[in-house]
Amino acid sequence: MLLKRLYDANLAQASYLVGCQATGEALVIDPNRDVEQYLRAAKDEGLRVTHVTETHIHADFVSGSRELAATAGATLLLSGEGGADWQYAFAADAGATLLHDGDHFMVGNLRFDVLHTPGHTPEHLTFLVTDTPATDRPMGAFTGDFVFVGDVGRPDLLERAAKVAGTMESSARTLYRSLQRFATQPDYLQLFPGHGAGSACGKALGAVPSTTLGYEKIANWAFGTGGEAEFVQAVLAGQPEPPAYFATMKRINREGPDMLNGVRRPARLDAATLRARATGGHRIVDTRPADKFAASHVPGTINIPLNKSFTTWAGALLSYDDAFSIIVDEQCPGCIDEAARALAMIGLDHVDGYYDGSAVTLPRPDERTSATIPQITPQALRTRMPSREVQVVDVRGASEWSAGHIPDVPNIPLGQLESSLSSLALDKPIVVHCQSGARSSLAASILQARGATDVSNLVGGYAAWAAAGLPTMRADG
C-alpha cells in the first residue's frame, strides 16, 4: 500500500493518493481542480488512477473529481446519502457509482469501507482503508471534513452558506451522533483529514497533517463534551462567518463543475490600457503586497494581495459572472501562474489578462497617474473622533466585533462592504480598520475604487488600538 498526501496551502486542503503497489491501481480522495498533479503523482509512483472519490460536496474549492475521473478513465464514486434534497445532480450524467453506508469497494488489494458520517453535510462519507494482504483490520480513515486534528467540521454551513434554513441545530445533533458512532472504531485507527490549520471549514483546526482516533479522544474537544446538548452549544458557538464564495462553491460542486482542462496563464495586456480600463469601470485586481499598493496604485483598482488569504477574498469580492484583469508584482516572475491557479481553484475563470506591476508607474504628465492610501495611527484617530469629522468603519467579522470594538464604531464585514456603500458618505473622510490592518487595506481600496475621496487605514488595526490602552467595549456592554 502507498499513501501520498497532496496539500494545497492556499486552500489548507488535503487530497490523498492511495495505491496498491501489487496491482498498480490507485484511488484519489478529494481532488481539487488541478487534476494534473494527481496524474503526475500516480505516474511517479508507477501507479495509474483507476478510482476517484470525495467525502462530500465541498464548499471551499471547486472539486476535480469528475474531471479527474474522465481524464484518467477512472471509476467515479460519489455519495448517494443525504436524502432526496441533497444529492449530486450530475452523478448519473457522469456515470458515477453511488455509495451508501456499509458499502465497500476494492482498489487492487485495498479494501475501502464506507461510513456515512453526516453533520458537516448530510451526504458526508468517511472511508476506512484496509491493506488486505497484511490484515483484515482497517489501518486508517479518510475523514474529510468530519474529524480534523483537534476539531470537527462545522455544522452550520448548510444553513449559512448553502442557505438551507433551519438546519444548524439539527446538523449539530447529527454530527454528535456521527461522532459517537465513530468513537467505537479502534483507537489505533489513523485519521487523515481533508483540511489543516487555516481552513474555514472548522474553527480551531490543528496544523499536524494526521492523527489517531485514540489521540483525538484525548485532545479533541468534541469527544469530551458532557452530552449532546453541551456539544451542540459548543460547536455552534463562535463559528466565524463563512467566506462569501462558499455558497457558490456548494452550487457548482453539487450541479457539476466545468472541465478546466489545465490551468492556463492569461494573456499579458498592453500597459497603456491599464488606466483607461480601470477608470472605465472594468474590475482590475492588484495582487501586489498591501504596502506597495498603499504607496502607489492606479485609481479604480482594488487590492487583494497574493498571499494565503487570496482565494478567500477573491471569492468574496469578485463576480463569478464578469471578466476581470489582474496586476502582478514585477519582482515575482511566478506570481501570474500562482494567481491564475488560485483563481481557478475556486472557479473564477473569467480572467481576461494581466498587467505587470511596472505598468502602475508608467508616467503621463497630463493625468493623475497614481493614488495612495494614507495610514493613520490609533492616537491620531483618537484625537479626530470626538469632533465626528471622520467616519470609522470596522470591517472585521461580526463575532470579532462582538468580542471587542472601538466605541460607537459600526461593523461592516469586508465581504459586505460593497453592498453597504449607501450607509457611508463617500465624500467625507473615512478610516477603516480590521484586527491587524490586512483586511482594512483591502477595504480602503474598495472604497477608493467606488468613489470615496478621503480614505485612510488604521495602522495595526484594532489590536494596536487596544494595545495603546484606548477605549474599547464589547457588544454585551
Protein backbone atom coordinates (compact mmCIF):
# COMPACT_ATOMS: atom_id res chain seq x y z
CA MET A 1 0.00 0.00 0.00
CA LEU A 2 1.16 3.51 -0.83
CA LEU A 3 -0.28 6.68 0.69
CA LYS A 4 0.60 10.16 -0.55
CA ARG A 5 -0.85 13.41 0.81
CA LEU A 6 -1.12 16.32 -1.64
CA TYR A 7 -1.66 19.59 0.19
CA ASP A 8 -2.73 22.98 -1.14
CA ALA A 9 -1.52 25.55 1.38
CA ASN A 10 -3.67 28.38 -0.02
CA LEU A 11 -6.82 26.33 0.50
CA ALA A 12 -5.49 24.48 3.57
CA GLN A 13 -6.83 21.45 1.70
CA ALA A 14 -5.58 17.86 1.59
CA SER A 15 -6.13 15.27 -1.13
CA TYR A 16 -4.89 11.69 -0.94
CA LEU A 17 -3.45 9.24 -3.44
CA VAL A 18 -3.86 5.68 -2.12
CA GLY A 19 -2.30 2.97 -4.26
CA CYS A 20 -1.96 -0.79 -4.36
CA GLN A 21 1.62 -1.41 -5.46
CA ALA A 22 0.90 -5.05 -6.24
CA THR A 23 -1.63 -4.21 -8.96
CA GLY A 24 -0.70 -0.63 -9.85
CA GLU A 25 -4.22 0.67 -9.16
CA ALA A 26 -4.81 3.88 -7.24
CA LEU A 27 -7.63 5.87 -5.68
CA VAL A 28 -7.66 9.67 -5.34
CA ILE A 29 -9.75 11.10 -2.49
CA ASP A 30 -11.00 14.71 -2.53
CA PRO A 31 -9.09 16.00 -5.59
CA ASN A 32 -9.21 19.69 -6.33
CA ARG A 33 -9.38 21.17 -9.82
CA ASP A 34 -5.68 20.85 -10.62
CA VAL A 35 -6.08 17.27 -11.82
CA GLU A 36 -2.67 17.03 -13.49
CA GLN A 37 -0.94 16.90 -10.11
CA TYR A 38 -2.67 13.62 -9.27
CA LEU A 39 -1.86 12.04 -12.60
CA ARG A 40 1.80 13.05 -12.18
CA ALA A 41 1.94 11.76 -8.62
CA ALA A 42 0.49 8.41 -9.64
CA LYS A 43 2.87 8.09 -12.59
CA ASP A 44 5.86 8.94 -10.40
CA GLU A 45 4.93 6.01 -8.14
CA GLY A 46 4.32 3.60 -11.01
CA LEU A 47 0.56 3.70 -10.47
CA ARG A 48 -2.47 4.59 -12.54
CA VAL A 49 -5.56 6.36 -11.25
CA THR A 50 -8.39 3.83 -11.51
CA HIS A 51 -10.82 5.23 -8.92
CA VAL A 52 -11.77 8.75 -7.82
CA THR A 53 -13.98 9.74 -4.92
CA GLU A 54 -14.72 12.56 -2.49
CA THR A 55 -16.00 12.68 1.05
CA HIS A 56 -18.72 15.29 0.44
CA ILE A 57 -19.92 18.24 -1.63
CA HIS A 58 -17.22 20.80 -0.92
CA ALA A 59 -17.83 24.45 -0.07
CA ASP A 60 -14.33 25.95 -0.26
CA PHE A 61 -12.92 24.85 -3.62
CA VAL A 62 -14.09 23.50 -6.96
CA SER A 63 -13.97 19.71 -6.94
CA GLY A 64 -11.80 17.95 -9.50
CA SER A 65 -13.41 14.53 -9.06
CA ARG A 66 -15.47 14.49 -12.22
CA GLU A 67 -12.67 15.87 -14.41
CA LEU A 68 -10.01 13.59 -12.95
CA ALA A 69 -12.18 10.50 -13.43
CA ALA A 70 -12.95 11.49 -17.02
CA THR A 71 -9.31 12.30 -17.82
CA ALA A 72 -7.94 9.12 -16.27
CA GLY A 73 -10.76 6.86 -17.44
CA ALA A 74 -11.35 6.02 -13.79
CA THR A 75 -14.42 4.91 -11.87
CA LEU A 76 -16.12 7.86 -10.18
CA LEU A 77 -17.55 7.07 -6.75
CA LEU A 78 -19.88 9.61 -5.09
CA SER A 79 -22.06 9.67 -2.02
CA GLY A 80 -25.63 8.51 -2.50
CA GLU A 81 -26.52 9.57 1.03
CA GLY A 82 -28.06 12.85 2.15
CA GLY A 83 -31.70 12.27 1.29
CA ALA A 84 -33.71 13.40 -1.70
CA ASP A 85 -33.00 17.08 -1.07
CA TRP A 86 -29.21 16.88 -1.05
CA GLN A 87 -27.78 14.80 -3.90
CA TYR A 88 -25.13 15.16 -6.61
CA ALA A 89 -27.16 16.45 -9.55
CA PHE A 90 -24.58 15.35 -12.14
CA ALA A 91 -23.92 11.82 -10.83
CA ALA A 92 -25.97 9.99 -13.45
CA ASP A 93 -24.61 12.01 -16.39
CA ALA A 94 -21.05 11.40 -15.15
CA GLY A 95 -21.64 7.65 -14.83
CA ALA A 96 -20.85 7.74 -11.13
CA THR A 97 -21.33 4.80 -8.80
CA LEU A 98 -23.27 5.90 -5.73
CA LEU A 99 -22.00 4.84 -2.31
CA HIS A 100 -24.02 4.20 0.83
CA ASP A 101 -23.31 3.40 4.45
CA GLY A 102 -21.99 -0.14 4.77
CA ASP A 103 -20.78 -0.42 1.17
CA HIS A 104 -17.23 -1.35 0.30
CA PHE A 105 -15.09 -1.31 -2.83
CA MET A 106 -11.68 -2.64 -3.79
CA VAL A 107 -8.73 -0.82 -5.33
CA GLY A 108 -6.37 -3.64 -6.13
CA ASN A 109 -5.87 -5.43 -2.82
CA LEU A 110 -7.01 -2.45 -0.77
CA ARG A 111 -10.47 -2.52 0.75
CA PHE A 112 -12.38 0.70 1.39
CA ASP A 113 -15.37 0.54 3.72
CA VAL A 114 -17.92 3.35 3.53
CA LEU A 115 -19.27 5.04 6.64
CA HIS A 116 -22.00 7.66 6.41
CA THR A 117 -20.86 10.43 8.78
CA PRO A 118 -23.35 13.29 8.38
CA GLY A 119 -23.38 16.52 10.33
CA HIS A 120 -20.98 18.79 8.49
CA THR A 121 -23.07 17.98 5.42
CA PRO A 122 -25.95 15.49 5.01
CA GLU A 123 -24.13 13.32 2.44
CA HIS A 124 -20.70 13.19 4.10
CA LEU A 125 -18.79 9.89 3.92
CA THR A 126 -15.71 8.59 5.72
CA PHE A 127 -13.58 5.86 4.14
CA LEU A 128 -11.86 3.14 6.16
CA VAL A 129 -8.92 1.56 4.35
CA THR A 130 -7.66 -1.99 4.94
CA ASP A 131 -4.48 -3.44 3.42
CA THR A 132 -5.95 -6.93 2.96
CA PRO A 133 -2.70 -8.85 2.27
CA ALA A 134 -1.45 -7.72 5.70
CA THR A 135 -4.60 -7.78 7.86
CA ASP A 136 -8.37 -7.83 7.96
CA ARG A 137 -8.47 -4.72 10.15
CA PRO A 138 -8.54 -1.12 8.90
CA MET A 139 -5.35 0.91 9.34
CA GLY A 140 -6.78 4.35 8.69
CA ALA A 141 -9.76 6.54 7.90
CA PHE A 142 -10.09 9.41 5.44
CA THR A 143 -12.36 11.70 7.38
CA GLY A 144 -12.77 14.65 5.02
CA ASP A 145 -14.48 17.47 6.92
CA PHE A 146 -15.88 15.19 9.63
CA VAL A 147 -12.98 14.89 12.11
CA PHE A 148 -9.96 17.16 11.94
CA VAL A 149 -6.86 17.33 14.10
CA GLY A 150 -8.22 18.99 17.23
CA ASP A 151 -11.61 19.91 15.81
CA VAL A 152 -14.64 18.73 13.84
CA GLY A 153 -16.36 20.03 10.74
CA ARG A 154 -18.70 22.94 11.35
CA PRO A 155 -22.40 22.01 11.04
CA ASP A 156 -23.66 25.50 10.20
CA LEU A 157 -22.53 25.73 6.57
CA LEU A 158 -25.63 24.08 5.12
CA GLU A 159 -27.67 26.95 6.54
CA ARG A 160 -25.18 29.82 6.40
CA ALA A 161 -23.53 29.02 3.04
CA ALA A 162 -25.98 26.81 1.14
CA LYS A 163 -28.97 28.77 2.54
CA VAL A 164 -30.93 25.72 3.73
CA ALA A 165 -32.78 27.47 6.52
CA GLY A 166 -33.23 25.99 9.97
CA THR A 167 -30.61 23.25 9.70
CA MET A 168 -27.80 24.40 12.03
CA GLU A 169 -29.01 22.83 15.25
CA SER A 170 -30.28 19.63 13.65
CA SER A 171 -26.98 19.25 11.78
CA ALA A 172 -25.08 19.74 15.03
CA ARG A 173 -27.12 16.99 16.67
CA THR A 174 -26.50 14.72 13.70
CA LEU A 175 -22.78 15.45 13.91
CA TYR A 176 -22.77 14.50 17.59
CA ARG A 177 -24.35 11.13 16.81
CA SER A 178 -21.88 10.53 13.97
CA LEU A 179 -19.02 11.17 16.39
CA GLN A 180 -20.47 8.80 18.97
CA ARG A 181 -20.70 6.07 16.37
CA PHE A 182 -17.22 6.74 15.01
CA ALA A 183 -15.73 6.66 18.51
CA THR A 184 -16.38 2.90 18.61
CA GLN A 185 -13.66 2.35 15.99
CA PRO A 186 -10.28 1.15 17.35
CA ASP A 187 -8.09 3.80 18.96
CA TYR A 188 -5.12 2.87 16.77
CA LEU A 189 -7.00 3.99 13.65
CA GLN A 190 -5.02 6.67 11.82
CA LEU A 191 -7.05 9.66 10.70
CA PHE A 192 -6.34 11.60 7.52
CA PRO A 193 -8.48 14.78 7.44
CA GLY A 194 -9.40 16.91 4.45
CA HIS A 195 -8.15 20.22 5.84
CA GLY A 196 -5.45 21.72 8.02
CA ALA A 197 -4.95 24.90 10.01
CA GLY A 198 -6.35 27.97 8.30
CA SER A 199 -9.39 26.34 6.75
CA ALA A 200 -12.78 27.95 7.34
CA CYS A 201 -14.43 24.51 7.47
CA GLY A 202 -13.79 24.40 11.23
CA LYS A 203 -12.88 26.95 13.89
CA ALA A 204 -9.71 25.54 15.51
CA LEU A 205 -8.02 23.08 13.16
CA GLY A 206 -4.57 21.78 14.05
CA ALA A 207 -1.57 22.04 11.76
CA VAL A 208 -0.40 18.43 12.22
CA PRO A 209 -1.14 16.52 8.99
CA SER A 210 -2.61 13.37 10.58
CA THR A 211 -3.61 11.94 13.92
CA THR A 212 -5.17 8.85 15.51
CA LEU A 213 -8.65 8.31 16.84
CA GLY A 214 -7.23 7.48 20.28
CA TYR A 215 -5.35 10.77 20.45
CA GLU A 216 -8.39 12.76 19.31
CA LYS A 217 -10.43 11.17 22.09
CA ILE A 218 -7.91 12.67 24.49
CA ALA A 219 -7.18 16.03 22.85
CA ASN A 220 -10.13 16.94 20.62
CA TRP A 221 -12.75 18.98 22.49
CA ALA A 222 -15.58 17.38 20.51
CA PHE A 223 -15.02 13.98 22.11
CA GLY A 224 -15.01 15.39 25.63
CA THR A 225 -18.31 17.25 25.95
CA GLY A 226 -20.87 16.27 28.56
CA GLY A 227 -23.56 15.10 26.17
CA GLU A 228 -25.48 16.16 23.10
CA ALA A 229 -26.85 19.46 24.37
CA GLU A 230 -23.43 20.66 25.53
CA PHE A 231 -21.87 19.59 22.24
CA VAL A 232 -24.49 21.43 20.16
CA GLN A 233 -23.95 24.63 22.11
CA ALA A 234 -20.16 24.36 21.87
CA VAL A 235 -19.92 23.50 18.18
CA LEU A 236 -22.20 26.36 17.10
CA ALA A 237 -20.65 28.98 19.39
CA GLY A 238 -18.11 31.34 17.85
CA GLN A 239 -18.20 29.96 14.33
CA PRO A 240 -16.82 32.68 12.03
CA GLU A 241 -18.80 33.95 9.08
CA PRO A 242 -18.27 31.57 6.17
CA PRO A 243 -16.46 33.15 3.20
CA ALA A 244 -18.97 34.62 0.80
CA TYR A 245 -17.97 32.37 -2.08
CA PHE A 246 -18.84 29.16 -0.17
CA ALA A 247 -22.44 29.35 -1.39
CA THR A 248 -21.22 29.45 -5.00
CA MET A 249 -18.86 26.51 -4.41
CA LYS A 250 -21.68 24.42 -2.96
CA ARG A 251 -23.83 25.10 -6.02
CA ILE A 252 -21.04 24.42 -8.51
CA ASN A 253 -19.97 21.21 -6.84
CA ARG A 254 -23.50 19.94 -6.47
CA GLU A 255 -24.56 20.73 -10.03
CA GLY A 256 -21.25 19.66 -11.61
CA PRO A 257 -18.07 21.71 -12.17
CA ASP A 258 -16.98 22.71 -15.65
CA MET A 259 -13.93 20.95 -17.04
CA LEU A 260 -10.84 23.10 -16.57
CA ASN A 261 -8.54 21.23 -18.96
CA GLY A 262 -5.47 22.60 -17.27
CA VAL A 263 -4.62 25.91 -15.61
CA ARG A 264 -3.59 28.38 -18.31
CA ARG A 265 -1.65 31.62 -17.99
CA PRO A 266 -3.81 34.59 -19.05
CA ALA A 267 -2.58 36.87 -21.80
CA ARG A 268 -0.36 39.83 -20.94
CA LEU A 269 -2.13 43.12 -21.61
CA ASP A 270 -0.77 46.37 -23.01
CA ALA A 271 0.26 48.55 -20.08
CA ALA A 272 -1.05 51.64 -21.89
CA THR A 273 -4.63 50.35 -21.47
CA LEU A 274 -4.46 49.94 -17.69
CA ARG A 275 -5.65 53.36 -16.56
CA ALA A 276 -8.37 53.67 -19.15
CA ARG A 277 -9.81 50.29 -18.24
CA ALA A 278 -9.60 50.96 -14.50
CA THR A 279 -11.36 54.31 -14.70
CA GLY A 280 -13.85 52.90 -17.22
CA GLY A 281 -15.32 50.51 -14.69
CA HIS A 282 -13.51 47.30 -15.64
CA ARG A 283 -12.60 45.45 -12.46
CA ILE A 284 -8.83 45.21 -12.06
CA VAL A 285 -7.29 43.42 -9.10
CA ASP A 286 -3.85 44.48 -7.95
CA THR A 287 -2.28 41.43 -6.29
CA ARG A 288 0.86 43.21 -5.06
CA PRO A 289 1.54 43.40 -1.30
CA ALA A 290 -0.62 45.86 0.62
CA ASP A 291 2.26 48.21 1.41
CA LYS A 292 3.17 48.55 -2.26
CA PHE A 293 -0.44 49.21 -3.17
CA ALA A 294 -0.80 51.80 -0.40
CA ALA A 295 2.32 53.61 -1.60
CA SER A 296 1.18 53.84 -5.22
CA HIS A 297 -1.61 52.30 -7.28
CA VAL A 298 -3.77 53.02 -10.28
CA PRO A 299 -7.05 54.75 -9.35
CA GLY A 300 -10.01 52.43 -9.76
CA THR A 301 -8.13 49.21 -8.97
CA ILE A 302 -8.69 47.13 -5.85
CA ASN A 303 -6.06 45.35 -3.80
CA ILE A 304 -6.21 41.62 -2.97
CA PRO A 305 -2.63 40.64 -2.09
CA LEU A 306 -1.42 37.28 -3.37
CA ASN A 307 -0.98 35.52 -0.04
CA LYS A 308 -2.69 32.72 1.87
CA SER A 309 -5.91 34.75 2.11
CA PHE A 310 -6.04 35.48 -1.62
CA THR A 311 -8.65 32.86 -2.52
CA THR A 312 -10.85 33.80 0.44
CA TRP A 313 -11.08 37.44 -0.55
CA ALA A 314 -11.04 36.91 -4.31
CA GLY A 315 -14.04 34.63 -3.90
CA ALA A 316 -15.79 37.17 -1.70
CA LEU A 317 -15.07 40.33 -3.66
CA LEU A 318 -15.07 39.28 -7.32
CA SER A 319 -18.01 38.44 -9.53
CA TYR A 320 -18.36 34.91 -10.90
CA ASP A 321 -20.16 36.34 -13.94
CA ASP A 322 -17.97 39.28 -15.00
CA ALA A 323 -14.50 39.36 -16.52
CA PHE A 324 -11.65 40.98 -14.62
CA SER A 325 -7.91 41.60 -15.02
CA ILE A 326 -5.08 41.28 -12.53
CA ILE A 327 -1.85 43.12 -11.78
CA VAL A 328 1.10 41.07 -10.53
CA ASP A 329 4.30 42.18 -8.82
CA GLU A 330 7.03 42.76 -11.41
CA GLN A 331 9.56 41.33 -8.94
CA CYS A 332 7.75 37.99 -8.77
CA PRO A 333 8.05 36.15 -12.12
CA GLY A 334 5.95 33.20 -10.93
CA CYS A 335 3.14 35.24 -9.44
CA ILE A 336 0.96 35.25 -12.55
CA ASP A 337 0.88 31.45 -12.66
CA GLU A 338 0.27 31.27 -8.91
CA ALA A 339 -2.60 33.75 -9.15
CA ALA A 340 -4.17 32.03 -12.16
CA ARG A 341 -4.09 28.68 -10.37
CA ALA A 342 -5.52 30.09 -7.15
CA LEU A 343 -8.40 31.72 -9.02
CA ALA A 344 -9.11 28.54 -10.96
CA MET A 345 -9.26 26.52 -7.74
CA ILE A 346 -12.36 28.47 -6.68
CA GLY A 347 -13.91 28.72 -10.13
CA LEU A 348 -13.03 32.32 -11.00
CA ASP A 349 -12.33 31.53 -14.65
CA HIS A 350 -13.05 34.90 -16.28
CA VAL A 351 -9.55 36.37 -16.08
CA ASP A 352 -9.18 38.30 -19.31
CA GLY A 353 -5.50 39.17 -18.93
CA TYR A 354 -2.82 40.54 -16.64
CA TYR A 355 -0.53 43.54 -16.23
CA ASP A 356 2.99 43.56 -14.95
CA GLY A 357 3.35 45.68 -11.82
CA SER A 358 5.64 48.07 -13.67
CA ALA A 359 2.57 49.32 -15.54
CA VAL A 360 1.44 51.02 -12.33
CA THR A 361 4.30 53.53 -12.58
CA LEU A 362 4.01 54.43 -16.26
CA PRO A 363 4.16 58.26 -16.33
CA ARG A 364 1.70 60.53 -18.08
CA PRO A 365 2.14 64.17 -17.15
CA ASP A 366 -1.32 65.15 -18.33
CA GLU A 367 -3.25 62.96 -15.89
CA ARG A 368 -3.33 61.72 -12.32
CA THR A 369 -1.32 58.54 -12.64
CA SER A 370 -1.36 57.11 -9.14
CA ALA A 371 -3.18 57.11 -5.83
CA THR A 372 -2.17 56.27 -2.27
CA ILE A 373 -3.82 55.00 0.89
CA PRO A 374 -2.77 57.17 3.86
CA GLN A 375 -2.05 55.40 7.15
CA ILE A 376 -3.27 56.79 10.47
CA THR A 377 -2.11 55.81 13.96
CA PRO A 378 -4.52 54.92 16.79
CA GLN A 379 -3.52 58.06 18.70
CA ALA A 380 -4.14 60.31 15.70
CA LEU A 381 -7.51 58.71 15.07
CA ARG A 382 -8.47 59.14 18.72
CA THR A 383 -7.91 62.88 18.52
CA ARG A 384 -10.16 63.17 15.45
CA MET A 385 -13.08 61.07 16.68
CA PRO A 386 -14.70 63.46 19.23
CA SER A 387 -15.41 66.03 16.53
CA ARG A 388 -17.16 63.34 14.45
CA GLU A 389 -15.41 64.71 11.38
CA VAL A 390 -14.40 61.20 10.35
CA GLN A 391 -16.41 58.05 9.73
CA VAL A 392 -14.74 54.98 11.27
CA VAL A 393 -15.68 51.53 9.96
CA ASP A 394 -14.75 48.15 11.46
CA VAL A 395 -14.51 45.58 8.64
CA ARG A 396 -13.86 42.54 10.83
CA GLY A 397 -16.33 39.68 11.18
CA ALA A 398 -19.37 40.13 13.39
CA SER A 399 -18.08 37.72 16.05
CA GLU A 400 -14.80 39.67 16.27
CA TRP A 401 -16.67 42.95 16.62
CA SER A 402 -18.89 41.50 19.34
CA ALA A 403 -15.87 40.31 21.32
CA GLY A 404 -14.41 43.84 21.42
CA HIS A 405 -14.59 47.02 19.35
CA ILE A 406 -13.98 50.76 19.38
CA PRO A 407 -16.99 52.52 20.96
CA ASP A 408 -19.53 53.96 18.51
CA VAL A 409 -17.80 52.34 15.53
CA PRO A 410 -20.17 50.34 13.29
CA ASN A 411 -19.35 46.90 11.92
CA ILE A 412 -19.49 46.26 8.17
CA PRO A 413 -17.67 42.97 7.45
CA LEU A 414 -15.36 43.22 4.47
CA GLY A 415 -17.38 40.82 2.36
CA GLN A 416 -20.46 43.04 2.78
CA LEU A 417 -18.74 46.38 2.22
CA GLU A 418 -19.64 46.95 -1.42
CA SER A 419 -23.28 46.15 -0.79
CA SER A 420 -23.31 48.59 2.15
CA LEU A 421 -21.86 51.69 0.48
CA SER A 422 -25.15 53.57 0.82
CA SER A 423 -24.60 53.69 4.58
CA LEU A 424 -21.43 55.76 4.13
CA ALA A 425 -20.83 59.32 2.97
CA LEU A 426 -18.18 58.77 0.31
CA ASP A 427 -17.43 62.49 0.06
CA LYS A 428 -16.35 62.71 3.71
CA PRO A 429 -13.27 61.28 5.49
CA ILE A 430 -13.39 57.54 6.22
CA VAL A 431 -11.00 55.46 8.33
CA VAL A 432 -11.24 51.68 8.06
CA HIS A 433 -9.80 49.12 10.40
CA CYS A 434 -9.75 45.36 11.00
CA GLN A 435 -7.84 43.31 13.57
CA SER A 436 -4.30 43.99 12.36
CA GLY A 437 -4.55 46.02 9.15
CA ALA A 438 -4.67 43.38 6.40
CA ARG A 439 -8.40 43.29 5.64
CA SER A 440 -8.78 47.04 6.10
CA SER A 441 -6.19 47.60 3.36
CA LEU A 442 -8.50 45.71 1.00
CA ALA A 443 -11.48 47.68 2.29
CA ALA A 444 -9.73 51.01 1.69
CA SER A 445 -9.01 50.03 -1.90
CA ILE A 446 -12.65 49.11 -2.49
CA LEU A 447 -13.88 52.41 -1.05
CA GLN A 448 -11.45 54.37 -3.21
CA ALA A 449 -12.45 52.43 -6.31
CA ARG A 450 -16.11 53.17 -5.57
CA GLY A 451 -15.57 56.92 -5.31
CA ALA A 452 -14.57 57.67 -1.73
CA THR A 453 -12.42 60.79 -1.76
CA ASP A 454 -10.59 60.56 1.59
CA VAL A 455 -9.88 57.07 2.90
CA SER A 456 -7.25 56.09 5.48
CA ASN A 457 -6.21 52.79 7.02
CA LEU A 458 -5.71 52.39 10.78
CA VAL A 459 -2.14 51.18 11.31
CA GLY A 460 -2.14 47.94 13.27
CA GLY A 461 -5.92 47.82 13.40
CA TYR A 462 -7.97 47.09 16.49
CA ALA A 463 -5.07 45.20 18.07
CA ALA A 464 -2.91 48.33 18.01
CA TRP A 465 -5.79 50.47 19.30
CA ALA A 466 -6.37 48.13 22.26
CA ALA A 467 -2.63 47.75 22.93
CA ALA A 468 -2.38 51.54 23.22
CA GLY A 469 -4.88 51.45 26.05
CA LEU A 470 -7.56 53.32 24.12
CA PRO A 471 -11.27 52.77 24.91
CA THR A 472 -12.91 49.51 23.84
CA MET A 473 -16.20 47.81 24.54
CA ARG A 474 -17.99 44.50 23.98
CA ALA A 475 -21.33 44.00 22.25
CA ASP A 476 -22.84 42.91 25.58
CA GLY A 477 -21.62 46.12 27.24
